[in-house]
Protein backbone atom coordinates (compact mmCIF):
# COMPACT_ATOMS: atom_id res chain seq x y z
CA UNK A 1 -12.53 6.78 18.86
CA UNK A 2 -10.28 6.40 15.82
CA UNK A 3 -11.40 3.62 13.19
CA UNK A 4 -8.94 0.98 12.86
CA UNK A 5 -6.63 0.92 10.30
CA UNK A 6 -7.26 -0.76 7.25
CA UNK A 7 -5.88 -4.21 6.05
CA UNK A 8 -3.34 -4.28 4.30
CA UNK A 9 -3.29 -5.33 0.82
CA UNK A 10 -3.99 -8.44 -0.27
CA UNK A 11 -3.30 -9.69 -3.30
CA UNK A 12 -5.64 -11.36 -6.10
CA UNK A 13 -4.08 -14.98 -5.77
CA UNK A 14 -4.17 -14.84 -1.82
CA UNK A 15 -7.87 -13.73 -1.52
CA UNK A 16 -8.65 -17.42 -0.73
CA UNK A 17 -5.44 -17.53 2.05
CA UNK A 18 -5.48 -17.01 5.34
CA UNK A 19 -3.12 -14.32 6.69
CA UNK A 20 0.64 -16.02 6.87
CA UNK A 21 1.79 -16.94 9.61
CA UNK A 22 5.67 -18.10 10.50
CA UNK A 23 4.37 -21.07 12.82
CA UNK A 24 3.28 -23.32 9.54
CA UNK A 25 4.39 -26.93 10.20
CA UNK A 26 8.29 -27.14 9.05
CA UNK A 27 8.69 -23.38 9.78
CA UNK A 28 11.03 -23.94 11.98
CA UNK A 29 13.73 -25.49 10.15
CA UNK A 30 13.54 -22.19 7.24
CA UNK A 31 17.14 -20.99 6.47
CA UNK A 32 19.83 -19.98 4.16
CA UNK A 33 21.19 -23.89 2.30
CA UNK A 34 18.63 -25.44 4.69
CA UNK A 35 17.64 -28.98 2.60
CA UNK A 36 14.11 -30.03 3.02
CA UNK A 37 14.99 -33.17 2.26
CA UNK A 38 16.82 -34.18 5.07
CA UNK A 39 14.37 -32.90 7.73
CA UNK A 40 11.87 -35.29 6.06
CA UNK A 41 9.59 -31.77 6.84
CA UNK A 42 8.37 -30.16 3.81
CA UNK A 43 5.17 -28.40 4.56
CA UNK A 44 5.14 -24.51 4.67
CA UNK A 45 1.81 -24.36 3.85
CA UNK A 46 0.71 -20.24 4.60
CA UNK A 47 4.04 -19.79 5.74
CA UNK A 48 5.21 -16.59 5.90
CA UNK A 49 8.98 -16.27 4.60
CA UNK A 50 8.97 -11.93 3.71
CA UNK A 51 12.31 -10.80 3.42
CA UNK A 52 14.41 -14.23 4.31
CA UNK A 53 17.23 -15.23 3.19
CA UNK A 54 16.51 -19.00 2.09
CA UNK A 55 19.72 -18.15 -0.42
CA UNK A 56 20.51 -21.81 -1.62
CA UNK A 57 18.13 -23.77 -0.19
CA UNK A 58 16.90 -27.43 -1.28
CA UNK A 59 12.89 -27.00 -0.91
CA UNK A 60 12.23 -29.58 -3.30
CA UNK A 61 8.23 -31.15 -3.55
CA UNK A 62 7.83 -29.07 -0.91
CA UNK A 63 3.71 -28.05 -0.51
CA UNK A 64 3.46 -23.75 -0.19
CA UNK A 65 -0.01 -22.96 -0.87
CA UNK A 66 -0.68 -19.64 0.30
CA UNK A 67 3.15 -19.62 1.14
CA UNK A 68 4.82 -15.88 1.52
CA UNK A 69 7.71 -15.15 -0.02
CA UNK A 70 7.74 -11.19 -0.34
CA UNK A 71 11.18 -9.52 -0.58
CA UNK A 72 13.18 -13.34 -0.22
CA UNK A 73 16.48 -13.87 -1.48
CA UNK A 74 15.71 -17.20 -2.89
CA UNK A 75 19.50 -17.01 -5.09
CA UNK A 76 19.54 -20.44 -6.49
CA UNK A 77 16.81 -21.92 -3.78
CA UNK A 78 15.83 -25.74 -4.96
CA UNK A 79 11.94 -25.56 -5.28
CA UNK A 80 11.95 -28.30 -7.37
CA UNK A 81 8.67 -30.03 -8.02
CA UNK A 82 7.06 -28.10 -5.43
CA UNK A 83 3.61 -27.51 -5.22
CA UNK A 84 0.90 -25.06 -4.63
CA UNK A 85 -1.68 -22.28 -5.47
CA UNK A 86 -2.04 -18.38 -3.70
CA UNK A 87 2.08 -18.41 -3.38
CA UNK A 88 2.96 -14.98 -3.64
CA UNK A 89 7.11 -14.28 -4.67
CA UNK A 90 6.46 -10.64 -5.54
CA UNK A 91 9.89 -8.52 -5.29
CA UNK A 92 12.23 -11.50 -4.45
CA UNK A 93 15.89 -12.17 -5.54
CA UNK A 94 15.43 -14.96 -7.27
CA UNK A 95 18.27 -15.24 -9.62
CA UNK A 96 19.12 -18.68 -10.88
CA UNK A 97 16.51 -20.52 -8.89
CA UNK A 98 15.58 -24.11 -10.28
CA UNK A 99 11.81 -24.31 -10.65
CA UNK A 100 12.12 -27.34 -12.40
CA UNK A 101 8.13 -29.32 -12.55
CA UNK A 102 7.11 -26.92 -9.69
CA UNK A 103 3.28 -26.71 -9.62
CA UNK A 104 2.44 -23.59 -9.06
CA UNK A 105 -0.35 -22.36 -10.95
CA UNK A 106 -2.11 -18.71 -10.37
CA UNK A 107 1.22 -17.80 -8.34
CA UNK A 108 2.78 -13.96 -8.15
CA UNK A 109 5.65 -13.20 -9.56
CA UNK A 110 5.32 -9.35 -9.44
CA UNK A 111 9.00 -7.74 -9.93
CA UNK A 112 10.25 -10.19 -9.09
CA UNK A 113 14.54 -10.87 -9.90
CA UNK A 114 13.71 -14.27 -11.81
CA UNK A 115 17.45 -13.95 -14.00
CA UNK A 116 19.08 -17.14 -15.24
CA UNK A 117 16.17 -19.17 -13.24
CA UNK A 118 14.47 -22.61 -14.58
CA UNK A 119 10.92 -23.35 -14.58
CA UNK A 120 11.13 -26.18 -17.16
CA UNK A 121 8.05 -28.13 -17.11
CA UNK A 122 6.68 -25.96 -14.99
CA UNK A 123 2.76 -25.14 -14.38
CA UNK A 124 3.03 -21.77 -14.05
CA UNK A 125 -0.35 -21.47 -15.61
CA UNK A 126 -2.44 -18.12 -14.43
CA UNK A 127 0.22 -16.50 -12.35
CA UNK A 128 1.53 -12.84 -12.70
CA UNK A 129 5.04 -11.91 -13.24
CA UNK A 130 3.98 -8.15 -14.16
CA UNK A 131 7.42 -6.25 -13.92
CA UNK A 132 9.67 -9.57 -13.41
CA UNK A 133 13.17 -9.99 -14.90
CA UNK A 134 13.43 -13.11 -16.99
CA UNK A 135 17.16 -11.76 -18.66
CA UNK A 136 18.12 -15.69 -19.34
CA UNK A 137 15.35 -17.64 -17.73
CA UNK A 138 14.14 -21.10 -18.71
CA UNK A 139 10.42 -21.73 -19.56
CA UNK A 140 11.23 -24.99 -21.93
CA UNK A 141 7.99 -27.19 -21.67
CA UNK A 142 6.00 -25.13 -19.05
CA UNK A 143 2.94 -24.62 -18.39
CA UNK A 144 2.10 -20.62 -18.73
CA UNK A 145 -1.36 -20.60 -20.09
CA UNK A 146 -2.67 -17.01 -19.42
CA UNK A 147 0.24 -16.23 -17.31
CA UNK A 148 0.73 -12.16 -17.50
CA UNK A 149 3.72 -10.95 -18.35
CA UNK A 150 3.23 -7.07 -18.85
CA UNK A 151 6.15 -4.48 -17.65
CA UNK A 152 7.84 -8.17 -17.64
CA UNK A 153 11.65 -7.04 -18.52
CA UNK A 154 14.16 -9.03 -20.68
CA UNK A 155 11.44 -11.85 -21.92
CA UNK A 156 12.86 -11.47 -24.89
CA UNK A 157 16.84 -13.32 -23.53
CA UNK A 158 14.48 -16.09 -21.84
CA UNK A 159 13.60 -19.35 -23.65
CA UNK A 160 10.59 -20.55 -24.12
CA UNK A 161 11.13 -23.40 -26.28
CA UNK A 162 8.18 -25.83 -26.77
CA UNK A 163 6.10 -23.70 -24.12
CA UNK A 164 2.46 -23.96 -23.74
CA UNK A 165 -0.08 -21.43 -24.20
CA UNK A 166 2.20 -19.30 -24.93
CA UNK A 167 -0.40 -17.80 -27.44
CA UNK A 168 -3.16 -17.06 -23.82
CA UNK A 169 -0.12 -15.42 -22.05
CA UNK A 170 -0.96 -11.58 -21.80
CA UNK A 171 2.31 -8.94 -22.41
CA UNK A 172 4.82 -11.75 -23.42
CA UNK A 173 7.00 -9.61 -24.98
CA UNK A 174 9.56 -12.10 -27.21
CA UNK A 175 11.21 -9.32 -29.89
CA UNK A 176 13.85 -7.54 -28.34
CA UNK A 177 13.36 -3.74 -27.75
CA UNK A 178 14.35 -1.00 -30.84
CA UNK A 179 18.05 -0.44 -31.14
CA UNK A 180 19.44 -3.32 -29.72
């Protein structure tokens, strides 16, 4: 008998999470432009939103522990004051995304397109931004302590005014490349 296939790789950030599901408490409401402040259903714990189009969705104050948004279209999506750990945003299109006041420590934004996204007053401490595009992103007064920005591009065009924890952030290059 052939051995079973290996399990899919699990991000270290999701090590404590069960496999994501399409049947989370409020998953049935999710789609482009949805407004969870109207549905009054904000529990997206462990939801699987891989490659979903959630452009323009209002997910304010959503509970997104262990949720997976990998490859999703999150252009203009509003996550203001959302909370969660182990959240995965790998390779999302998060252009213009609103992440103000989120509490998303130890989340994974690897390879994410975060052009013009706003992380003002956000807690993204210990999160991973490897290979993310940060052109025009705003991290004003955000907590970026121990966040890993190795390989992130265009950080010199992002705003880290009054960001906390810059001294412990890894790989953050705030100077423009030579010749520009």
